[in-house]
Protein backbone atom coordinates (compact mmCIF):
# COMPACT_ATOMS: atom_id res chain seq x y z
CA MET A 1 -28.72 33.74 14.75
CA ASP A 2 -29.16 35.90 11.79
CA ALA A 3 -26.73 38.38 13.01
CA LEU A 4 -24.27 36.02 13.51
CA PHE A 5 -24.38 34.91 9.70
CA ALA A 6 -24.60 38.79 8.62
CA SER A 7 -21.09 39.57 10.61
CA PRO A 8 -17.76 38.63 9.31
CA TRP A 9 -17.90 35.49 11.24
CA GLY A 10 -20.49 34.43 8.84
CA ALA A 11 -18.01 34.81 5.84
CA LEU A 12 -15.75 32.75 7.89
CA LEU A 13 -18.62 29.88 8.49
CA ILE A 14 -19.34 30.11 4.63
CA PHE A 15 -15.33 29.94 3.95
CA PHE A 16 -15.30 26.55 6.29
CA ALA A 17 -18.56 25.02 5.02
CA ARG A 18 -17.35 25.34 1.48
CA ILE A 19 -13.86 23.77 2.36
CA VAL A 20 -15.95 20.87 3.67
CA ASP A 21 -18.57 20.37 0.71
CA VAL A 22 -16.07 20.82 -2.11
CA SER A 23 -13.71 18.17 -0.14
CA CYS A 24 -16.74 15.72 0.11
CA ASP A 25 -17.66 16.56 -3.75
CA THR A 26 -14.09 15.49 -4.79
CA MET A 27 -14.31 12.15 -2.85
CA ARG A 28 -17.69 11.46 -3.99
CA VAL A 29 -16.34 11.88 -7.71
CA LEU A 30 -13.56 9.60 -6.87
CA PHE A 31 -15.90 6.91 -5.33
CA THR A 32 -18.52 7.31 -8.34
CA VAL A 33 -15.96 6.78 -11.07
CA ARG A 34 -14.86 3.42 -8.95
CA GLY A 35 -18.39 2.42 -8.80
CA LYS A 36 -18.75 2.61 -4.99
CA ARG A 37 -22.55 3.89 -5.12
CA SER A 38 -23.25 3.62 -1.31
CA ILE A 39 -20.47 5.77 -0.26
CA ALA A 40 -20.77 8.18 -3.11
CA GLY A 41 -24.41 8.70 -2.24
CA VAL A 42 -23.57 9.38 1.51
CA LEU A 43 -21.14 11.93 0.55
CA GLY A 44 -23.26 13.32 -2.03
CA PHE A 45 -25.98 13.72 0.60
CA PHE A 46 -23.83 15.69 2.96
CA GLN A 47 -22.05 17.76 0.26
CA ALA A 48 -25.25 19.11 -0.88
CA LEU A 49 -26.67 19.68 2.58
CA ILE A 50 -23.68 21.79 3.49
CA TRP A 51 -23.63 23.46 0.14
CA ILE A 52 -27.09 24.75 0.47
CA PHE A 53 -26.47 26.12 3.81
CA ALA A 54 -23.29 27.86 2.31
CA VAL A 55 -24.95 29.01 -1.06
CA GLY A 56 -28.15 30.42 0.91
CA THR A 57 -26.03 32.30 3.12
CA ALA A 58 -23.77 33.69 0.94
CA ILE A 59 -26.83 34.96 -1.53
CA ARG A 60 -28.50 36.33 1.70
CA HIS A 61 -25.56 38.33 2.36
CA MET A 62 -24.32 39.57 -1.08
CA ASP A 63 -23.80 42.94 -0.30
CA SER A 64 -20.98 41.88 1.57
CA TYR A 65 -17.79 41.22 -0.37
CA LEU A 66 -16.41 39.26 2.78
CA HIS A 67 -19.26 36.55 2.16
CA VAL A 68 -18.66 36.36 -1.55
CA LEU A 69 -15.00 36.00 -0.80
CA GLY A 70 -15.59 33.40 1.74
CA TYR A 71 -17.65 31.59 -0.54
CA ALA A 72 -15.09 31.74 -3.54
CA GLY A 73 -12.30 31.40 -1.16
CA GLY A 74 -13.90 28.50 0.30
CA TYR A 75 -14.38 26.60 -2.78
CA ALA A 76 -10.49 27.18 -3.91
CA VAL A 77 -9.12 25.95 -0.65
CA GLY A 78 -11.73 23.17 -0.64
CA THR A 79 -10.52 21.99 -4.18
CA MET A 80 -6.82 21.75 -2.84
CA THR A 81 -8.00 20.05 0.31
CA GLY A 82 -10.09 17.44 -1.39
CA ILE A 83 -7.25 16.52 -3.53
CA THR A 84 -4.80 16.24 -0.72
CA ILE A 85 -7.45 14.02 1.42
CA GLU A 86 -7.69 12.00 -2.30
CA ARG A 87 -3.64 11.45 -2.42
CA PHE A 88 -3.72 10.58 1.33
CA VAL A 89 -6.40 8.09 1.03
CA ALA A 90 -5.02 6.57 -2.06
CA TYR A 91 -8.05 4.29 -2.86
CA GLY A 92 -7.76 1.64 -5.58
CA VAL A 93 -4.95 0.23 -7.65
CA ALA A 94 -2.28 1.47 -9.92
CA GLN A 95 -0.30 -0.49 -12.68
CA VAL A 96 3.41 0.32 -12.64
CA ARG A 97 5.49 -0.11 -16.08
CA VAL A 98 8.86 -0.19 -15.42
CA VAL A 99 11.38 0.05 -18.39
CA THR A 100 15.00 -0.80 -17.54
CA ARG A 101 18.30 -1.36 -19.28
CA SER A 102 20.17 -3.52 -16.67
CA SER A 103 18.18 -4.13 -13.46
CA GLY A 104 15.13 -5.67 -14.63
CA HIS A 105 15.73 -8.92 -12.78
CA ALA A 106 16.91 -7.35 -9.41
CA ILE A 107 13.90 -5.36 -9.26
CA ALA A 108 11.42 -7.86 -10.15
CA GLU A 109 12.85 -10.47 -7.56
CA THR A 110 13.08 -7.36 -4.90
CA LEU A 111 9.36 -6.70 -5.75
CA ARG A 112 8.09 -10.43 -5.51
CA GLU A 113 9.94 -10.72 -2.12
CA MET A 114 8.07 -7.89 -1.08
CA GLY A 115 5.03 -9.83 -2.05
CA PHE A 116 4.13 -8.22 -5.23
CA GLY A 117 3.05 -10.24 -8.37
CA VAL A 118 5.54 -9.10 -11.30
CA THR A 119 5.37 -9.84 -15.12
CA GLN A 120 8.98 -9.64 -16.59
CA SER A 121 9.40 -9.23 -20.39
CA ALA A 122 12.42 -8.57 -22.61
CA GLY A 123 11.66 -5.53 -25.11
CA GLU A 124 13.61 -3.66 -27.66
CA GLY A 125 14.14 0.32 -26.69
CA ARG A 126 15.53 3.07 -28.61
CA ALA A 127 19.16 2.44 -27.21
CA GLY A 128 19.03 -1.30 -27.33
CA ALA A 129 17.68 -4.34 -25.29
CA VAL A 130 15.49 -3.44 -22.16
CA GLU A 131 13.54 -5.31 -19.50
CA VAL A 132 9.96 -4.38 -19.15
CA LEU A 133 8.08 -5.05 -15.76
CA HIS A 134 4.45 -4.94 -14.99
CA THR A 135 2.82 -5.18 -11.78
CA ILE A 136 -0.29 -3.98 -10.12
CA VAL A 137 -0.52 -2.47 -6.66
CA GLN A 138 -2.45 -0.88 -4.09
CA ARG A 139 -2.13 3.07 -4.84
CA SER A 140 -0.82 3.28 -1.32
CA GLN A 141 1.90 1.08 -2.28
CA VAL A 142 3.09 3.05 -5.32
CA ASP A 143 5.83 5.15 -3.39
CA ASP A 144 7.29 1.38 -1.91
CA VAL A 145 7.46 0.43 -5.68
CA LEU A 146 9.07 3.39 -6.94
CA GLN A 147 11.69 3.51 -3.99
CA VAL A 148 12.75 -0.01 -5.12
CA VAL A 149 13.18 1.10 -8.99
CA ASP A 150 15.20 4.10 -7.63
CA LYS A 151 17.48 1.87 -5.54
CA PHE A 152 18.58 -0.34 -8.73
CA ASP A 153 17.97 2.04 -11.46
CA PRO A 154 17.23 5.63 -10.96
CA VAL A 155 17.06 6.45 -14.62
CA ALA A 156 14.70 3.64 -15.41
CA MET A 157 11.52 4.72 -17.30
CA VAL A 158 8.43 4.32 -15.13
CA THR A 159 4.91 4.95 -15.57
CA VAL A 160 2.10 4.64 -13.35
CA GLU A 161 -1.53 4.14 -14.70
CA GLU A 162 -5.07 3.41 -13.22
CA PRO A 163 -6.44 0.25 -14.84
CA ARG A 164 -10.03 -0.10 -16.10
CA ALA A 165 -10.44 -3.57 -15.08
CA ILE A 166 -8.43 -6.54 -13.62
CA ARG A 167 -8.86 -9.96 -14.34
CA GLY A 168 -6.71 -12.88 -13.20
CA GLY A 169 -3.29 -13.14 -12.08
CA PHE A 170 -1.68 -12.12 -8.57
CA VAL A 171 -2.88 -8.90 -7.40
CA ASP A 172 -4.10 -7.83 -4.00
CA THR A 173 -7.70 -6.54 -4.88
CA ARG A 174 -9.10 -5.87 -1.35
CA GLU A 175 -10.64 -2.75 -0.98
CA TRP A 176 -9.38 0.20 1.02
CA ARG A 177 -10.14 -0.91 4.78
CA MET A 178 -7.89 -2.38 7.40
CA PRO A 179 -6.99 -5.65 6.99
CA LEU A 180 -8.29 -8.28 9.24
CA PRO A 181 -5.61 -10.19 11.27
CA TRP A 182 -6.07 -13.47 10.16
CA GLU A 183 -6.15 -12.34 6.33
CA LYS A 184 -2.95 -12.82 4.15
CA SER A 185 -1.36 -9.77 2.45
CA ARG A 186 -1.75 -11.16 -0.95
CA GLN A 187 -4.42 -13.51 -2.44
CA ARG A 188 -4.88 -15.10 -5.75
CA VAL A 189 -7.46 -13.87 -8.03
């Protein structure tokens, strides 16, 4: 077995192990920040287990530039892979703020028809009166909201932020999972 790890195949194994371990670490940090201890703990366990294998193999073969490059390259690709997975999963909620000069009512009504809660208020911008819309949506739904905004006002100012805490209002706060058939798409909190 040691002959396999000493060969160029060993460097390739290190490369792929680092991709998996760094991707797990990226997701572990995401779940840690969101307070999901159990998921973060399980990911941390597997991340550390894989890391020990990868670093141990790389250190045993420090004289091989392929093993060192496999270790470093796996870290780089693992970082990119972890970010891609995080974007795909889109876990959590986002606050979307829209500032528009002309289409606030149309945007708000369309979003409400789609089941989103929207708070609409009048404001004053640099060039005059504006309408300000606020909504909180699942991160996976942000693109749907942006498509509605682009349809009615492609030059509207839009900001997307991650709220630290949510209390009250009309927000879908269910965690990332497949909804059960009898669950409504929106719930009052």
